[in-house]
């Protein structure tokens, strides 16, 4: 079993701080314009709930277990079995420029959730702490997962060794 931890970069940290500043400025503006009241209370409640939900979805680590790739977040867990991996490859950041968030966080403690790839008109799942060192995992159902990892080449080699070592179930059955 191998474990790869997510690390954030300065851009992600700056975007997180900018999000907090924007939330605080909107709250201060509502406080001054509406003189408190239920609108400010609703806004603060929604912001706190959003921050809590996003914080629970932050990717923490990637684990290569005996039977698959596990992407662990605080409250989310994604498992991709080796036998279901159709392809895995490194992806340059330039290839990701047409990917836009749909139900996702983009820069707020990282990049995670469902994104739309406008180049291929496809929905993808991204679990990244920074917008670099991407790995694309495509499963047999044609679902695409993008993860970021500082040791991306090592992770790809290990996954490929697991995928190639596992015999196909159809080959194991006697004729």
Foldseek 3Di string as FASTA:
>chain_A
DDKFFADADPQLVVLQVVVVVVLVVVLVVCCVPVVDPDVSVVSVVVVVVVLVVQQQAAWTMWDQDLFFIWTDGNNDIDTDGLQFWPDKDWDALVQCPQKADDPWDPSNQATFDWIARPVVRDIATERHRYSGQWMWTATNVRHIYIYHGPPNVVVRVVSVVSNVVDDDPVVVDDD
